[in-house]
Amino acid sequence: MANLVKRMSMKGKKGDTVHIPVPVRGTAAAKAANTAVTIQYNTEQEVAVSINKHYEYSRLIEDIVSKQALASLRQFYTSEAGYALARQKDSDLILLGRSSNNGAGTAAYANAYIGGDGSTAYTSGSPNASALTDAGIRRMIQRLDDNDAPMEDRVLVVPPSSRNTLMGISRFTEQAFVGEVGNGNTIRNGKIGDVYGVEVFVTPNCDTATGSARIALMFHKDAAVLVEQMGVRAQTQYKQEYLGDLFTADTLYGVQLLRKGDLAAAPATMFPIAVPA
């Protein structure tokens, strides 16, 4: 997810909040002869991103383990730390879906649509979540079109259950429809690739809504932002009282929706889709 949204660096700077301007789109005005131009006055709004997420991953590598274990053990912990912290960033970005499309920020997801048609509102706690269909995907794409989101940098993030569904829709996988041959065919490589120009990503980290439905997200890259004040930092310290090395990796960042739908200047460009678990 971190690579699918807008990413900003705040490294080396003081403060705990980033203010991102959200300019209001202007309009063209006709120019009459011998008259002044029409001045459009600034009515800019902003989105505040709080740098309030500080996560760490720590391991104690005791001397006996360090002496007897393979040298690759320490390398494993380093790799594992990067994975754990990256997964946490993914989780925080995915949870922004609860507030997108004017959502209330809860797992009820009253702001979501069901995958079957992309039009019916998801009812929290009910079994009306439905599997993705061709019609449902096209309707969600239209929502981005209606809100004037750019055609490039659109993505669909789905749970494994929806990948299973997409692999069973012939128009997305079979050579007769997609024109892919050989190893480029989804049936052979297992990759969904693009669906109507929207790149598909799969993660088991997708949110679980009230009622056990899983939440897929279709959005444009500028829908959300990740601001990193400190990337992953790794440190070690020998702890004599434990006769071992304390290994700690940590990171400091903030996430926020840029286009939630509650600002006139920023119509929603992230939409939650309720699908079966």
Protein backbone atom coordinates (compact mmCIF):
# COMPACT_ATOMS: atom_id res chain seq x y z
CA MET A 1 0.00 0.00 0.00
CA ALA A 2 2.82 2.42 0.79
CA ASN A 3 3.84 2.45 -2.87
CA LEU A 4 0.25 2.83 -4.09
CA VAL A 5 -0.51 6.17 -2.42
CA LYS A 6 1.10 9.60 -2.44
CA ARG A 7 4.34 9.47 -0.44
CA MET A 8 6.04 12.43 1.20
CA SER A 9 9.22 12.74 3.25
CA MET A 10 9.51 14.87 6.37
CA LYS A 11 12.94 13.60 7.34
CA GLY A 12 15.15 16.08 9.15
CA LYS A 13 12.31 18.50 9.88
CA LYS A 14 10.80 19.43 13.25
CA GLY A 15 7.10 19.42 14.08
CA ASP A 16 4.32 16.87 14.36
CA THR A 17 1.86 18.00 11.66
CA VAL A 18 2.09 18.46 7.91
CA HIS A 19 -0.36 20.85 6.26
CA ILE A 20 -1.11 19.87 2.67
CA PRO A 21 -3.01 22.45 0.59
CA VAL A 22 -6.03 21.29 -1.39
CA PRO A 23 -6.54 23.91 -4.12
CA VAL A 24 -10.04 24.49 -5.43
CA ARG A 25 -10.34 23.97 -9.18
CA GLY A 26 -10.86 27.16 -11.12
CA THR A 27 -13.03 27.84 -14.14
CA ALA A 28 -12.31 29.43 -17.49
CA ALA A 29 -13.80 32.88 -18.09
CA ALA A 30 -14.57 34.54 -21.40
CA LYS A 31 -12.38 37.54 -22.17
CA ALA A 32 -14.29 40.52 -23.52
CA ALA A 33 -12.51 43.20 -25.52
CA ASN A 34 -11.26 46.21 -23.55
CA THR A 35 -12.23 44.69 -20.17
CA ALA A 36 -10.16 43.38 -17.29
CA VAL A 37 -9.64 39.69 -16.76
CA THR A 38 -11.82 37.83 -14.26
CA ILE A 39 -9.80 37.29 -11.08
CA GLN A 40 -10.56 34.09 -9.20
CA TYR A 41 -9.83 34.61 -5.53
CA ASN A 42 -8.11 31.94 -3.49
CA THR A 43 -10.42 29.77 -1.40
CA GLU A 44 -7.88 27.06 -0.71
CA GLN A 45 -8.47 24.38 1.90
CA GLU A 46 -5.97 22.06 3.56
CA VAL A 47 -5.58 18.58 4.95
CA ALA A 48 -3.59 18.17 8.17
CA VAL A 49 -1.52 15.00 8.55
CA SER A 50 -0.51 14.18 12.11
CA ILE A 51 2.83 12.39 12.46
CA ASN A 52 1.60 10.28 15.34
CA LYS A 53 2.47 6.68 14.48
CA HIS A 54 5.66 5.41 16.06
CA TYR A 55 6.14 1.64 15.82
CA GLU A 56 9.07 -0.55 16.83
CA TYR A 57 10.23 -4.14 16.47
CA SER A 58 12.69 -5.48 19.05
CA ARG A 59 14.53 -8.76 19.63
CA LEU A 60 17.04 -9.82 22.26
CA ILE A 61 19.80 -11.98 20.74
CA GLU A 62 21.47 -13.67 23.67
CA ASP A 63 25.16 -14.49 23.54
CA ILE A 64 24.58 -18.24 23.55
CA VAL A 65 22.30 -17.91 20.54
CA SER A 66 24.69 -15.54 18.80
CA LYS A 67 27.59 -17.93 19.33
CA GLN A 68 25.83 -21.16 18.43
CA ALA A 69 23.32 -20.09 15.79
CA LEU A 70 24.03 -19.45 12.15
CA ALA A 71 25.09 -15.94 11.15
CA SER A 72 21.93 -15.72 9.06
CA LEU A 73 19.82 -15.49 12.25
CA ARG A 74 20.60 -11.81 12.71
CA GLN A 75 19.88 -11.22 9.03
CA PHE A 76 16.53 -12.95 9.48
CA TYR A 77 15.59 -10.61 12.33
CA THR A 78 16.55 -7.59 10.23
CA SER A 79 14.40 -8.76 7.35
CA GLU A 80 11.55 -9.67 9.71
CA ALA A 81 11.66 -6.20 11.27
CA GLY A 82 11.29 -4.56 7.87
CA TYR A 83 8.36 -6.82 7.02
CA ALA A 84 6.57 -6.20 10.33
CA LEU A 85 6.91 -2.42 10.11
CA ALA A 86 5.89 -2.36 6.43
CA ARG A 87 2.83 -4.46 7.24
CA GLN A 88 1.88 -1.97 9.97
CA LYS A 89 2.04 0.89 7.46
CA ASP A 90 -0.14 -1.13 5.11
CA SER A 91 -2.68 -1.69 7.88
CA ASP A 92 -2.87 2.00 8.73
CA LEU A 93 -3.34 2.94 5.07
CA ILE A 94 -5.97 0.25 4.54
CA LEU A 95 -7.95 1.46 7.57
CA LEU A 96 -8.32 4.85 5.85
CA GLY A 97 -11.02 3.09 3.84
CA ARG A 98 -13.28 3.39 6.88
CA SER A 99 -13.30 7.18 6.51
CA SER A 100 -13.24 7.36 2.72
CA ASN A 101 -16.35 8.29 0.72
CA ASN A 102 -17.57 10.31 3.76
CA GLY A 103 -17.37 7.25 6.00
CA ALA A 104 -17.71 7.44 9.78
CA GLY A 105 -14.31 5.87 10.45
CA THR A 106 -15.65 2.60 11.87
CA ALA A 107 -15.72 -1.04 10.78
CA ALA A 108 -19.45 -0.70 10.03
CA TYR A 109 -18.51 0.55 6.53
CA ALA A 110 -21.83 2.25 5.77
CA ASN A 111 -19.83 4.00 3.03
CA ALA A 112 -19.12 0.76 1.14
CA TYR A 113 -20.81 -0.81 -1.86
CA ILE A 114 -21.24 -4.52 -2.47
CA GLY A 115 -19.00 -6.16 -5.04
CA GLY A 116 -21.85 -7.75 -7.00
CA ASP A 117 -23.10 -4.56 -8.63
CA GLY A 118 -20.99 -1.71 -7.18
CA SER A 119 -24.20 0.26 -6.54
CA THR A 120 -25.99 -1.35 -3.59
CA ALA A 121 -24.89 0.01 -0.22
CA TYR A 122 -23.32 -2.50 2.14
CA THR A 123 -25.47 -3.08 5.22
CA SER A 124 -23.34 -3.47 8.34
CA GLY A 125 -23.72 -6.85 10.01
CA SER A 126 -25.86 -8.24 7.20
CA PRO A 127 -24.92 -10.95 4.68
CA ASN A 128 -25.41 -8.68 1.67
CA ALA A 129 -21.68 -8.43 0.84
CA SER A 130 -21.25 -10.13 -2.53
CA ALA A 131 -18.41 -11.35 -4.71
CA LEU A 132 -16.84 -9.04 -7.29
CA THR A 133 -18.37 -9.14 -10.74
CA ASP A 134 -17.51 -7.52 -14.04
CA ALA A 135 -20.47 -5.15 -13.63
CA GLY A 136 -19.46 -4.27 -10.07
CA ILE A 137 -15.91 -3.40 -11.09
CA ARG A 138 -17.10 -1.25 -13.99
CA ARG A 139 -19.50 0.63 -11.70
CA MET A 140 -16.68 1.41 -9.24
CA ILE A 141 -14.51 2.64 -12.10
CA GLN A 142 -17.35 4.93 -13.09
CA ARG A 143 -17.31 6.43 -9.58
CA LEU A 144 -13.71 7.47 -10.13
CA ASP A 145 -14.66 8.84 -13.54
CA ASP A 146 -17.57 10.79 -12.05
CA ASN A 147 -15.19 12.42 -9.57
CA ASP A 148 -12.75 13.32 -12.35
CA ALA A 149 -9.91 11.13 -11.08
CA PRO A 150 -7.03 10.76 -13.58
CA MET A 151 -7.06 7.55 -15.61
CA GLU A 152 -3.52 6.58 -14.63
CA ASP A 153 -2.46 5.42 -11.13
CA ARG A 154 -5.76 3.72 -10.32
CA VAL A 155 -5.54 0.50 -8.29
CA LEU A 156 -7.80 -2.19 -6.89
CA VAL A 157 -6.64 -3.81 -3.64
CA VAL A 158 -8.47 -7.06 -2.88
CA PRO A 159 -8.34 -9.87 -0.28
CA PRO A 160 -7.39 -13.41 -1.39
CA SER A 161 -11.06 -14.41 -1.66
CA SER A 162 -11.59 -11.79 -4.36
CA ARG A 163 -8.47 -12.90 -6.25
CA ASN A 164 -10.06 -16.34 -6.32
CA THR A 165 -13.22 -14.78 -7.75
CA LEU A 166 -11.38 -12.76 -10.41
CA MET A 167 -9.44 -15.81 -11.59
CA GLY A 168 -12.79 -17.48 -12.27
CA ILE A 169 -14.16 -14.64 -14.45
CA SER A 170 -13.29 -15.69 -17.99
CA ARG A 171 -13.19 -12.19 -19.51
CA PHE A 172 -10.30 -11.31 -17.16
CA THR A 173 -8.24 -14.45 -17.66
CA GLU A 174 -8.89 -16.34 -20.89
CA GLN A 175 -6.87 -15.64 -24.00
CA ALA A 176 -10.01 -15.24 -26.12
CA PHE A 177 -10.86 -12.12 -24.11
CA VAL A 178 -7.55 -10.66 -22.96
CA GLY A 179 -5.36 -11.63 -25.92
CA GLU A 180 -2.54 -12.90 -23.69
CA VAL A 181 -0.74 -16.00 -24.88
CA GLY A 182 1.88 -18.33 -23.45
CA ASN A 183 3.18 -17.41 -20.03
CA GLY A 184 1.42 -14.06 -20.25
CA ASN A 185 -1.92 -15.75 -19.68
CA THR A 186 -3.42 -15.41 -16.20
CA ILE A 187 -4.37 -19.08 -16.16
CA ARG A 188 -0.65 -19.93 -16.42
CA ASN A 189 1.01 -17.25 -14.32
CA GLY A 190 -1.75 -16.65 -11.75
CA LYS A 191 -1.46 -12.87 -12.09
CA ILE A 192 -4.59 -10.79 -12.58
CA GLY A 193 -2.66 -7.77 -13.90
CA ASP A 194 -4.84 -4.91 -15.06
CA VAL A 195 -8.64 -4.90 -15.15
CA TYR A 196 -9.89 -2.16 -17.48
CA GLY A 197 -6.65 -0.26 -16.87
CA VAL A 198 -6.85 -0.63 -13.08
CA GLU A 199 -3.95 -2.61 -11.62
CA VAL A 200 -4.96 -5.32 -9.15
CA PHE A 201 -3.07 -6.03 -5.91
CA VAL A 202 -3.80 -8.81 -3.43
CA THR A 203 -3.22 -8.72 0.33
CA PRO A 204 -4.54 -10.74 3.28
CA ASN A 205 -4.26 -7.46 5.21
CA CYS A 206 -7.56 -6.12 3.82
CA ASP A 207 -9.89 -4.84 6.55
CA THR A 208 -12.68 -6.98 8.01
CA ALA A 209 -16.01 -5.19 8.26
CA THR A 210 -18.69 -5.69 10.87
CA GLY A 211 -20.45 -8.90 9.88
CA SER A 212 -17.18 -10.62 8.77
CA ALA A 213 -17.21 -9.19 5.22
CA ARG A 214 -13.82 -8.28 3.80
CA ILE A 215 -13.21 -4.85 2.29
CA ALA A 216 -11.58 -4.32 -1.09
CA LEU A 217 -10.52 -0.79 -2.06
CA MET A 218 -10.55 0.91 -5.43
CA PHE A 219 -8.76 4.25 -5.39
CA HIS A 220 -6.50 6.71 -7.14
CA LYS A 221 -2.96 7.28 -5.89
CA ASP A 222 -3.76 10.82 -4.73
CA ALA A 223 -6.62 9.62 -2.51
CA ALA A 224 -4.30 9.20 0.49
CA VAL A 225 -0.85 10.21 1.67
CA LEU A 226 1.91 8.58 3.71
CA VAL A 227 4.25 11.08 5.36
CA GLU A 228 7.45 9.58 6.77
CA GLN A 229 9.39 11.63 9.30
CA MET A 230 11.74 8.75 9.98
CA GLY A 231 12.15 5.70 7.80
CA VAL A 232 13.05 2.33 9.27
CA ARG A 233 15.95 2.86 11.69
CA ALA A 234 17.87 -0.17 13.03
CA GLN A 235 19.92 -0.04 16.25
CA THR A 236 21.70 -2.54 18.47
CA GLN A 237 22.88 -2.23 22.06
CA TYR A 238 24.68 -4.76 24.23
CA LYS A 239 22.73 -5.45 27.43
CA GLN A 240 25.14 -6.85 30.00
CA GLU A 241 22.35 -7.70 32.43
CA TYR A 242 20.90 -10.04 29.79
CA LEU A 243 24.21 -11.07 28.19
CA GLY A 244 22.87 -10.34 24.75
CA ASP A 245 22.35 -7.76 22.01
CA LEU A 246 19.11 -5.80 21.94
CA PHE A 247 18.11 -5.25 18.31
CA THR A 248 15.44 -2.59 17.66
CA ALA A 249 14.02 -1.21 14.43
CA ASP A 250 11.50 1.64 14.47
CA THR A 251 9.76 4.11 12.19
CA LEU A 252 7.77 7.34 12.58
CA TYR A 253 5.06 8.38 10.13
CA GLY A 254 1.50 9.61 9.59
CA VAL A 255 -1.27 8.72 7.15
CA GLN A 256 -4.32 10.66 6.01
CA LEU A 257 -6.94 10.82 3.29
CA LEU A 258 -6.42 13.67 0.86
CA ARG A 259 -9.68 13.12 -0.96
CA LYS A 260 -12.25 11.91 1.54
CA GLY A 261 -15.22 13.52 -0.13
CA ASP A 262 -16.06 16.03 2.62
CA LEU A 263 -14.25 18.96 0.94
CA ALA A 264 -15.61 20.66 -2.15
CA ALA A 265 -12.06 20.83 -3.44
CA ALA A 266 -11.41 17.13 -2.95
CA PRO A 267 -14.16 14.72 -4.04
CA ALA A 268 -13.74 11.12 -2.88
CA THR A 269 -11.35 9.00 -4.93
CA MET A 270 -11.22 5.94 -2.63
CA PHE A 271 -14.19 3.57 -2.48
CA PRO A 272 -14.63 0.53 -0.19
CA ILE A 273 -16.17 -2.62 -1.68
CA ALA A 274 -17.70 -5.27 0.61
CA VAL A 275 -16.96 -8.82 -0.52
CA PRO A 276 -17.32 -12.23 1.15
CA ALA A 277 -14.49 -13.37 3.38
